[in-house]
Amino acid sequence: MGNLGMQEILIIGLFVLIFFGAKKIPDFMKGLGKGVREFKDAVKDVKKEVEDSSKEATKIEDRS
């Protein structure tokens, strides 16, 4: 988790609990998980497009 220690994580968790309330935390985490998943999918798609265009450029150069 980078430079976060156990105390920092507990303070952040306490802040989230107070700020959002116990009932909204599951919804918040669900939304956060969906956002992370969509971001990962977008990164994977961009990476695939770059690799495909690189392969296509290599094929074109080989023909020349």
PDB file of N, CA and C in Angstrom:
ATOM      1  N   MET A   1       0.818  -1.196   0.000  1.00  0.00           N
ATOM      2  CA  MET A   1       0.000   0.000   0.000  1.00  0.00           C
ATOM      3  C   MET A   1       0.859   1.255   0.000  1.00  0.00           C
ATOM      4  N   GLY A   2       2.022   1.190  -0.523  1.00  0.00           N
ATOM      5  CA  GLY A   2       2.856   2.384  -0.612  1.00  0.00           C
ATOM      6  C   GLY A   2       3.432   2.759   0.742  1.00  0.00           C
ATOM      7  N   ASN A   3       3.327   4.010   1.084  1.00  0.00           N
ATOM      8  CA  ASN A   3       3.878   4.507   2.338  1.00  0.00           C
ATOM      9  C   ASN A   3       2.844   4.610   3.445  1.00  0.00           C
ATOM     10  N   LEU A   4       1.656   4.044   3.253  1.00  0.00           N
ATOM     11  CA  LEU A   4       0.624   4.104   4.280  1.00  0.00           C
ATOM     12  C   LEU A   4       0.871   3.039   5.337  1.00  0.00           C
ATOM     13  N   GLY A   5       0.905   3.485   6.579  1.00  0.00           N
ATOM     14  CA  GLY A   5       1.043   2.548   7.683  1.00  0.00           C
ATOM     15  C   GLY A   5      -0.328   2.171   8.221  1.00  0.00           C
ATOM     16  N   MET A   6      -0.327   1.315   9.218  1.00  0.00           N
ATOM     17  CA  MET A   6      -1.590   0.846   9.785  1.00  0.00           C
ATOM     18  C   MET A   6      -2.372   1.989  10.428  1.00  0.00           C
ATOM     19  N   GLN A   7      -1.687   2.921  11.089  1.00  0.00           N
ATOM     20  CA  GLN A   7      -2.380   4.045  11.719  1.00  0.00           C
ATOM     21  C   GLN A   7      -3.075   4.922  10.684  1.00  0.00           C
ATOM     22  N   GLU A   8      -2.403   5.181   9.583  1.00  0.00           N
ATOM     23  CA  GLU A   8      -3.003   6.018   8.543  1.00  0.00           C
ATOM     24  C   GLU A   8      -4.234   5.356   7.942  1.00  0.00           C
ATOM     25  N   ILE A   9      -4.140   4.049   7.726  1.00  0.00           N
ATOM     26  CA  ILE A   9      -5.280   3.319   7.166  1.00  0.00           C
ATOM     27  C   ILE A   9      -6.461   3.365   8.129  1.00  0.00           C
ATOM     28  N   LEU A  10      -6.208   3.195   9.414  1.00  0.00           N
ATOM     29  CA  LEU A  10      -7.281   3.252  10.408  1.00  0.00           C
ATOM     30  C   LEU A  10      -7.905   4.638  10.476  1.00  0.00           C
ATOM     31  N   ILE A  11      -7.090   5.675  10.391  1.00  0.00           N
ATOM     32  CA  ILE A  11      -7.618   7.046  10.419  1.00  0.00           C
ATOM     33  C   ILE A  11      -8.479   7.303   9.190  1.00  0.00           C
ATOM     34  N   ILE A  12      -8.021   6.865   8.029  1.00  0.00           N
ATOM     35  CA  ILE A  12      -8.815   7.036   6.798  1.00  0.00           C
ATOM     36  C   ILE A  12     -10.124   6.264   6.910  1.00  0.00           C
ATOM     37  N   GLY A  13     -10.054   5.022   7.410  1.00  0.00           N
ATOM     38  CA  GLY A  13     -11.269   4.224   7.582  1.00  0.00           C
ATOM     39  C   GLY A  13     -12.246   4.870   8.543  1.00  0.00           C
ATOM     40  N   LEU A  14     -11.754   5.427   9.635  1.00  0.00           N
ATOM     41  CA  LEU A  14     -12.610   6.114  10.603  1.00  0.00           C
ATOM     42  C   LEU A  14     -13.247   7.348   9.979  1.00  0.00           C
ATOM     43  N   PHE A  15     -12.455   8.103   9.221  1.00  0.00           N
ATOM     44  CA  PHE A  15     -12.980   9.279   8.541  1.00  0.00           C
ATOM     45  C   PHE A  15     -14.097   8.899   7.566  1.00  0.00           C
ATOM     46  N   VAL A  16     -13.870   7.846   6.789  1.00  0.00           N
ATOM     47  CA  VAL A  16     -14.882   7.396   5.831  1.00  0.00           C
ATOM     48  C   VAL A  16     -16.140   6.946   6.562  1.00  0.00           C
ATOM     49  N   LEU A  17     -15.972   6.234   7.652  1.00  0.00           N
ATOM     50  CA  LEU A  17     -17.117   5.771   8.432  1.00  0.00           C
ATOM     51  C   LEU A  17     -17.922   6.940   8.971  1.00  0.00           C
ATOM     52  N   ILE A  18     -17.252   7.948   9.495  1.00  0.00           N
ATOM     53  CA  ILE A  18     -17.953   9.117  10.036  1.00  0.00           C
ATOM     54  C   ILE A  18     -18.571   9.945   8.916  1.00  0.00           C
ATOM     55  N   PHE A  19     -17.821  10.157   7.848  1.00  0.00           N
ATOM     56  CA  PHE A  19     -18.272  11.030   6.768  1.00  0.00           C
ATOM     57  C   PHE A  19     -19.428  10.429   5.975  1.00  0.00           C
ATOM     58  N   PHE A  20     -19.352   9.157   5.634  1.00  0.00           N
ATOM     59  CA  PHE A  20     -20.365   8.538   4.791  1.00  0.00           C
ATOM     60  C   PHE A  20     -21.421   7.778   5.587  1.00  0.00           C
ATOM     61  N   GLY A  21     -21.082   7.294   6.745  1.00  0.00           N
ATOM     62  CA  GLY A  21     -22.022   6.484   7.514  1.00  0.00           C
ATOM     63  C   GLY A  21     -21.892   5.022   7.130  1.00  0.00           C
ATOM     64  N   ALA A  22     -22.245   4.161   8.063  1.00  0.00           N
ATOM     65  CA  ALA A  22     -22.063   2.728   7.863  1.00  0.00           C
ATOM     66  C   ALA A  22     -22.941   2.166   6.754  1.00  0.00           C
ATOM     67  N   LYS A  23     -24.095   2.767   6.524  1.00  0.00           N
ATOM     68  CA  LYS A  23     -25.012   2.227   5.515  1.00  0.00           C
ATOM     69  C   LYS A  23     -24.575   2.537   4.097  1.00  0.00           C
ATOM     70  N   LYS A  24     -23.847   3.617   3.902  1.00  0.00           N
ATOM     71  CA  LYS A  24     -23.466   4.011   2.543  1.00  0.00           C
ATOM     72  C   LYS A  24     -22.118   3.450   2.113  1.00  0.00           C
ATOM     73  N   ILE A  25     -21.337   2.924   3.027  1.00  0.00           N
ATOM     74  CA  ILE A  25     -20.010   2.415   2.685  1.00  0.00           C
ATOM     75  C   ILE A  25     -20.073   1.263   1.672  1.00  0.00           C
ATOM     76  N   PRO A  26     -20.968   0.268   1.835  1.00  0.00           N
ATOM     77  CA  PRO A  26     -21.016  -0.800   0.819  1.00  0.00           C
ATOM     78  C   PRO A  26     -21.334  -0.276  -0.587  1.00  0.00           C
ATOM     79  N   ASP A  27     -22.262   0.685  -0.676  1.00  0.00           N
ATOM     80  CA  ASP A  27     -22.582   1.268  -1.982  1.00  0.00           C
ATOM     81  C   ASP A  27     -21.386   2.027  -2.549  1.00  0.00           C
ATOM     82  N   PHE A  28     -20.703   2.744  -1.669  1.00  0.00           N
ATOM     83  CA  PHE A  28     -19.519   3.495  -2.087  1.00  0.00           C
ATOM     84  C   PHE A  28     -18.435   2.548  -2.607  1.00  0.00           C
ATOM     85  N   MET A  29     -18.193   1.479  -1.896  1.00  0.00           N
ATOM     86  CA  MET A  29     -17.173   0.516  -2.312  1.00  0.00           C
ATOM     87  C   MET A  29     -17.572  -0.209  -3.597  1.00  0.00           C
ATOM     88  N   LYS A  30     -18.859  -0.485  -3.743  1.00  0.00           N
ATOM     89  CA  LYS A  30     -19.348  -1.127  -4.962  1.00  0.00           C
ATOM     90  C   LYS A  30     -19.103  -0.217  -6.169  1.00  0.00           C
ATOM     91  N   GLY A  31     -19.416   1.055  -6.009  1.00  0.00           N
ATOM     92  CA  GLY A  31     -19.175   2.013  -7.079  1.00  0.00           C
ATOM     93  C   GLY A  31     -17.699   2.178  -7.373  1.00  0.00           C
ATOM     94  N   LEU A  32     -16.889   2.181  -6.326  1.00  0.00           N
ATOM     95  CA  LEU A  32     -15.448   2.291  -6.505  1.00  0.00           C
ATOM     96  C   LEU A  32     -14.905   1.070  -7.251  1.00  0.00           C
ATOM     97  N   GLY A  33     -15.391  -0.102  -6.904  1.00  0.00           N
ATOM     98  CA  GLY A  33     -14.974  -1.324  -7.587  1.00  0.00           C
ATOM     99  C   GLY A  33     -15.350  -1.317  -9.056  1.00  0.00           C
ATOM    100  N   LYS A  34     -16.562  -0.846  -9.359  1.00  0.00           N
ATOM    101  CA  LYS A  34     -16.979  -0.752 -10.759  1.00  0.00           C
ATOM    102  C   LYS A  34     -16.099   0.228 -11.526  1.00  0.00           C
ATOM    103  N   GLY A  35     -15.773   1.342 -10.887  1.00  0.00           N
ATOM    104  CA  GLY A  35     -14.918   2.335 -11.534  1.00  0.00           C
ATOM    105  C   GLY A  35     -13.539   1.786 -11.831  1.00  0.00           C
ATOM    106  N   VAL A  36     -12.970   1.074 -10.871  1.00  0.00           N
ATOM    107  CA  VAL A  36     -11.643   0.482 -11.064  1.00  0.00           C
ATOM    108  C   VAL A  36     -11.697  -0.564 -12.174  1.00  0.00           C
ATOM    109  N   ARG A  37     -12.754  -1.378 -12.188  1.00  0.00           N
ATOM    110  CA  ARG A  37     -12.889  -2.406 -13.222  1.00  0.00           C
ATOM    111  C   ARG A  37     -13.008  -1.763 -14.599  1.00  0.00           C
ATOM    112  N   GLU A  38     -13.809  -0.702 -14.723  1.00  0.00           N
ATOM    113  CA  GLU A  38     -13.952  -0.024 -16.012  1.00  0.00           C
ATOM    114  C   GLU A  38     -12.629   0.594 -16.453  1.00  0.00           C
ATOM    115  N   PHE A  39     -11.882   1.146 -15.496  1.00  0.00           N
ATOM    116  CA  PHE A  39     -10.582   1.727 -15.825  1.00  0.00           C
ATOM    117  C   PHE A  39      -9.622   0.655 -16.331  1.00  0.00           C
ATOM    118  N   LYS A  40      -9.592  -0.489 -15.657  1.00  0.00           N
ATOM    119  CA  LYS A  40      -8.720  -1.586 -16.086  1.00  0.00           C
ATOM    120  C   LYS A  40      -9.110  -2.076 -17.477  1.00  0.00           C
ATOM    121  N   ASP A  41     -10.418  -2.185 -17.737  1.00  0.00           N
ATOM    122  CA  ASP A  41     -10.869  -2.620 -19.057  1.00  0.00           C
ATOM    123  C   ASP A  41     -10.464  -1.619 -20.130  1.00  0.00           C
ATOM    124  N   ALA A  42     -10.583  -0.325 -19.821  1.00  0.00           N
ATOM    125  CA  ALA A  42     -10.205   0.705 -20.788  1.00  0.00           C
ATOM    126  C   ALA A  42      -8.710   0.651 -21.072  1.00  0.00           C
ATOM    127  N   VAL A  43      -7.901   0.459 -20.027  1.00  0.00           N
ATOM    128  CA  VAL A  43      -6.454   0.362 -20.219  1.00  0.00           C
ATOM    129  C   VAL A  43      -6.117  -0.853 -21.068  1.00  0.00           C
ATOM    130  N   LYS A  44      -6.806  -1.969 -20.806  1.00  0.00           N
ATOM    131  CA  LYS A  44      -6.565  -3.195 -21.573  1.00  0.00           C
ATOM    132  C   LYS A  44      -6.926  -2.975 -23.050  1.00  0.00           C
ATOM    133  N   ASP A  45      -8.055  -2.279 -23.301  1.00  0.00           N
ATOM    134  CA  ASP A  45      -8.465  -2.017 -24.680  1.00  0.00           C
ATOM    135  C   ASP A  45      -7.463  -1.124 -25.408  1.00  0.00           C
ATOM    136  N   VAL A  46      -6.994  -0.086 -24.736  1.00  0.00           N
ATOM    137  CA  VAL A  46      -6.027   0.817 -25.360  1.00  0.00           C
ATOM    138  C   VAL A  46      -4.733   0.072 -25.651  1.00  0.00           C
ATOM    139  N   LYS A  47      -4.294  -0.751 -24.701  1.00  0.00           N
ATOM    140  CA  LYS A  47      -3.069  -1.519 -24.890  1.00  0.00           C
ATOM    141  C   LYS A  47      -3.211  -2.458 -26.088  1.00  0.00           C
ATOM    142  N   LYS A  48      -4.366  -3.100 -26.221  1.00  0.00           N
ATOM    143  CA  LYS A  48      -4.607  -4.013 -27.337  1.00  0.00           C
ATOM    144  C   LYS A  48      -4.593  -3.251 -28.662  1.00  0.00           C
ATOM    145  N   GLU A  49      -5.218  -2.060 -28.686  1.00  0.00           N
ATOM    146  CA  GLU A  49      -5.232  -1.271 -29.913  1.00  0.00           C
ATOM    147  C   GLU A  49      -3.821  -0.849 -30.319  1.00  0.00           C
ATOM    148  N   VAL A  50      -3.019  -0.463 -29.345  1.00  0.00           N
ATOM    149  CA  VAL A  50      -1.647  -0.055 -29.643  1.00  0.00           C
ATOM    150  C   VAL A  50      -0.856  -1.243 -30.185  1.00  0.00           C
ATOM    151  N   GLU A  51      -1.006  -2.401 -29.556  1.00  0.00           N
ATOM    152  CA  GLU A  51      -0.293  -3.588 -30.033  1.00  0.00           C
ATOM    153  C   GLU A  51      -0.752  -3.980 -31.431  1.00  0.00           C
ATOM    154  N   ASP A  52      -2.064  -3.909 -31.685  1.00  0.00           N
ATOM    155  CA  ASP A  52      -2.582  -4.253 -33.006  1.00  0.00           C
ATOM    156  C   ASP A  52      -2.066  -3.295 -34.074  1.00  0.00           C
ATOM    157  N   SER A  53      -2.059  -2.000 -33.766  1.00  0.00           N
ATOM    158  CA  SER A  53      -1.581  -1.041 -34.754  1.00  0.00           C
ATOM    159  C   SER A  53      -0.078  -1.191 -34.973  1.00  0.00           C
ATOM    160  N   SER A  54       0.645  -1.582 -33.923  1.00  0.00           N
ATOM    161  CA  SER A  54       2.079  -1.829 -34.064  1.00  0.00           C
ATOM    162  C   SER A  54       2.324  -3.032 -34.967  1.00  0.00           C
ATOM    163  N   LYS A  55       1.543  -4.092 -34.781  1.00  0.00           N
ATOM    164  CA  LYS A  55       1.672  -5.282 -35.627  1.00  0.00           C
ATOM    165  C   LYS A  55       1.321  -4.944 -37.070  1.00  0.00           C
ATOM    166  N   GLU A  56       0.290  -4.129 -37.259  1.00  0.00           N
ATOM    167  CA  GLU A  56      -0.128  -3.741 -38.603  1.00  0.00           C
ATOM    168  C   GLU A  56       0.963  -2.920 -39.280  1.00  0.00           C
ATOM    169  N   ALA A  57       1.592  -2.018 -38.535  1.00  0.00           N
ATOM    170  CA  ALA A  57       2.671  -1.207 -39.096  1.00  0.00           C
ATOM    171  C   ALA A  57       3.861  -2.079 -39.465  1.00  0.00           C
ATOM    172  N   THR A  58       4.130  -3.086 -38.654  1.00  0.00           N
ATOM    173  CA  THR A  58       5.235  -4.005 -38.953  1.00  0.00           C
ATOM    174  C   THR A  58       4.949  -4.789 -40.227  1.00  0.00           C
ATOM    175  N   LYS A  59       3.702  -5.226 -40.420  1.00  0.00           N
ATOM    176  CA  LYS A  59       3.346  -5.947 -41.640  1.00  0.00           C
ATOM    177  C   LYS A  59       3.506  -5.075 -42.858  1.00  0.00           C
ATOM    178  N   ILE A  60       3.115  -3.827 -42.758  1.00  0.00           N
ATOM    179  CA  ILE A  60       3.221  -2.895 -43.886  1.00  0.00           C
ATOM    180  C   ILE A  60       4.685  -2.658 -44.228  1.00  0.00           C
ATOM    181  N   GLU A  61       5.544  -2.516 -43.209  1.00  0.00           N
ATOM    182  CA  GLU A  61       6.986  -2.299 -43.457  1.00  0.00           C
ATOM    183  C   GLU A  61       7.607  -3.532 -44.104  1.00  0.00           C
ATOM    184  N   ASP A  62       7.162  -4.726 -43.705  1.00  0.00           N
ATOM    185  CA  ASP A  62       7.725  -5.948 -44.270  1.00  0.00           C
ATOM    186  C   ASP A  62       7.401  -6.087 -45.748  1.00  0.00           C
ATOM    187  N   ARG A  63       6.242  -5.594 -46.152  1.00  0.00           N
ATOM    188  CA  ARG A  63       5.848  -5.673 -47.555  1.00  0.00           C
ATOM    189  C   ARG A  63       6.696  -4.770 -48.440  1.00  0.00           C
ATOM    190  N   SER A  64       7.174  -3.681 -47.864  1.00  0.00           N
ATOM    191  CA  SER A  64       7.911  -2.694 -48.661  1.00  0.00           C
ATOM    192  C   SER A  64       9.292  -3.131 -49.013  1.00  0.00           C
TER     193      SER A  64
END
